[in-house]
Amino acid sequence: EVQVVESGGGSVQAGGSLRLSCTTSGFSFDDSDMGWYRQAPGNECNLVSAISTHDRTYYADSVKGRFTISLEGKNTVYLQMDSLKPEDTAVYYCAADPKQPAIAWPTTVLSCTPPRQYWGQGTQVTVSS
């Protein structure tokens, strides 16, 4: 059974940091690139960051230099978020897709919900000014 579970969300003030974690079971990172999408109320669902099975990374322009994606072992992916801004407030979803590499993932989809297969249920990040 495939499971994708996020943790680490919360509330911080602008300029603060959070680290999101995503633990998977039922598949390994040998089989799939990993990434994070986010969606704020009234906005579309956007790809924030991704990492390939060869450790190549992607970052949306809005988070470059502030967020870092990394893998630990074969089942955990992190998103370190520094210098957080109020506009980073959103629900963050851990995502995988064994059928296509992250380079082929859409950078924007209409909605993150309902979560797709190989996606988690989301974790809330709130940044206050």
Protein backbone atom coordinates (compact mmCIF):
# COMPACT_ATOMS: atom_id res chain seq x y z
CA GLU A 1 0.00 0.00 0.00
CA VAL A 2 1.33 3.41 -0.96
CA GLN A 3 1.44 5.96 1.84
CA VAL A 4 2.77 9.51 1.76
CA VAL A 5 2.68 11.43 5.03
CA GLU A 6 3.80 15.01 5.60
CA SER A 7 4.71 16.62 8.90
CA GLY A 8 6.40 19.74 10.17
CA GLY A 9 3.93 22.44 9.26
CA GLY A 10 2.99 25.15 11.69
CA SER A 11 2.86 28.87 12.34
CA VAL A 12 5.88 31.17 12.31
CA GLN A 13 6.60 34.84 11.99
CA ALA A 14 8.04 36.31 8.83
CA GLY A 15 11.75 35.63 8.61
CA GLY A 16 11.46 32.37 10.48
CA SER A 17 12.12 28.80 9.39
CA LEU A 18 10.29 25.51 9.19
CA ARG A 19 11.29 22.08 7.95
CA LEU A 20 8.70 19.90 6.33
CA SER A 21 9.18 16.14 6.29
CA CYS A 22 7.59 13.56 4.06
CA THR A 23 7.80 9.87 4.77
CA THR A 24 6.70 7.33 2.21
CA SER A 25 5.99 3.62 2.16
CA GLY A 26 4.98 1.25 -0.56
CA PHE A 27 7.61 2.60 -2.94
CA SER A 28 11.11 4.04 -2.73
CA PHE A 29 12.90 7.03 -4.16
CA ASP A 30 14.68 4.70 -6.55
CA ASP A 31 11.36 4.52 -8.34
CA SER A 32 10.22 8.13 -8.28
CA ASP A 33 11.29 11.72 -8.19
CA MET A 34 9.87 13.63 -5.23
CA GLY A 35 8.54 17.12 -4.80
CA TRP A 36 6.38 19.59 -2.97
CA TYR A 37 3.34 21.48 -4.22
CA ARG A 38 1.49 24.17 -2.33
CA GLN A 39 -1.86 25.86 -2.51
CA ALA A 40 -3.06 28.99 -0.78
CA PRO A 41 -6.76 29.86 -0.54
CA GLY A 42 -8.01 31.22 -3.83
CA ASN A 43 -4.82 30.30 -5.65
CA GLU A 44 -3.84 27.47 -7.95
CA CYS A 45 -1.70 24.58 -6.85
CA ASN A 46 1.95 25.27 -7.66
CA LEU A 47 5.06 23.13 -7.75
CA VAL A 48 7.46 24.57 -5.20
CA SER A 49 10.39 22.21 -5.45
CA ALA A 50 11.37 18.79 -6.75
CA ILE A 51 14.33 16.45 -6.60
CA SER A 52 15.15 13.70 -9.04
CA THR A 53 16.46 10.23 -8.41
CA HIS A 54 19.81 11.64 -9.54
CA ASP A 55 19.61 14.51 -7.00
CA ARG A 56 18.87 17.19 -9.56
CA THR A 57 16.71 19.88 -8.02
CA TYR A 58 14.09 22.34 -9.15
CA TYR A 59 12.82 25.41 -7.31
CA ALA A 60 10.09 27.82 -8.21
CA ASP A 61 11.45 31.35 -8.66
CA SER A 62 9.48 32.52 -5.65
CA VAL A 63 11.43 30.25 -3.28
CA LYS A 64 14.90 30.10 -4.85
CA GLY A 65 17.59 30.86 -2.32
CA ARG A 66 15.20 30.33 0.61
CA PHE A 67 14.01 26.71 0.33
CA THR A 68 16.10 23.56 0.12
CA ILE A 69 14.87 20.11 -0.81
CA SER A 70 16.77 17.01 0.24
CA LEU A 71 16.44 13.26 0.59
CA GLU A 72 17.29 10.98 3.48
CA GLY A 73 17.55 7.32 2.71
CA LYS A 74 14.95 5.91 0.39
CA ASN A 75 11.80 7.05 2.10
CA THR A 76 12.11 10.57 3.51
CA VAL A 77 12.20 13.92 1.75
CA TYR A 78 12.61 17.27 3.46
CA LEU A 79 11.81 20.83 2.53
CA GLN A 80 13.84 23.29 4.57
CA MET A 81 12.14 26.67 4.42
CA ASP A 82 14.08 29.72 5.57
CA SER A 83 13.37 33.45 5.45
CA LEU A 84 9.69 32.67 5.29
CA LYS A 85 7.30 35.31 3.99
CA PRO A 86 3.56 35.74 4.53
CA GLU A 87 3.03 34.78 0.88
CA ASP A 88 4.47 31.35 1.66
CA THR A 89 1.33 30.65 3.66
CA ALA A 90 -0.33 27.61 2.10
CA VAL A 91 -1.04 23.94 2.47
CA TYR A 92 2.02 22.02 1.33
CA TYR A 93 1.68 18.62 -0.33
CA CYS A 94 4.40 16.04 -0.76
CA ALA A 95 4.22 14.50 -4.21
CA ALA A 96 5.67 11.60 -6.15
CA ASP A 97 5.00 10.07 -9.53
CA PRO A 98 6.73 6.81 -10.48
CA LYS A 99 5.36 7.14 -14.00
CA GLN A 100 7.14 10.32 -15.03
CA PRO A 101 10.17 12.33 -14.00
CA ALA A 102 9.73 15.60 -12.13
CA ILE A 103 10.89 17.54 -15.17
CA ALA A 104 7.60 16.51 -16.76
CA TRP A 105 5.41 17.44 -13.82
CA PRO A 106 3.10 20.40 -14.29
CA THR A 107 4.27 23.50 -12.45
CA THR A 108 0.67 24.56 -11.96
CA VAL A 109 -2.51 22.57 -11.55
CA LEU A 110 -5.96 23.87 -10.78
CA SER A 111 -6.16 22.30 -7.34
CA CYS A 112 -4.06 20.18 -5.03
CA THR A 113 -7.20 18.50 -3.76
CA PRO A 114 -8.27 15.82 -3.75
CA PRO A 115 -4.66 14.62 -3.48
CA ARG A 116 -3.53 12.45 -6.35
CA GLN A 117 -2.15 8.97 -6.01
CA TYR A 118 1.32 9.22 -4.45
CA TRP A 119 0.48 12.56 -2.83
CA GLY A 120 0.09 13.24 0.89
CA GLN A 121 -2.87 14.89 2.57
CA GLY A 122 -1.04 18.17 3.09
CA THR A 123 0.36 20.15 5.98
CA GLN A 124 -0.52 23.77 6.79
CA VAL A 125 2.17 26.44 6.86
CA THR A 126 1.17 29.86 8.16
CA VAL A 127 3.55 32.82 8.12
CA SER A 128 2.49 35.96 9.95
CA SER A 129 3.86 39.42 9.28
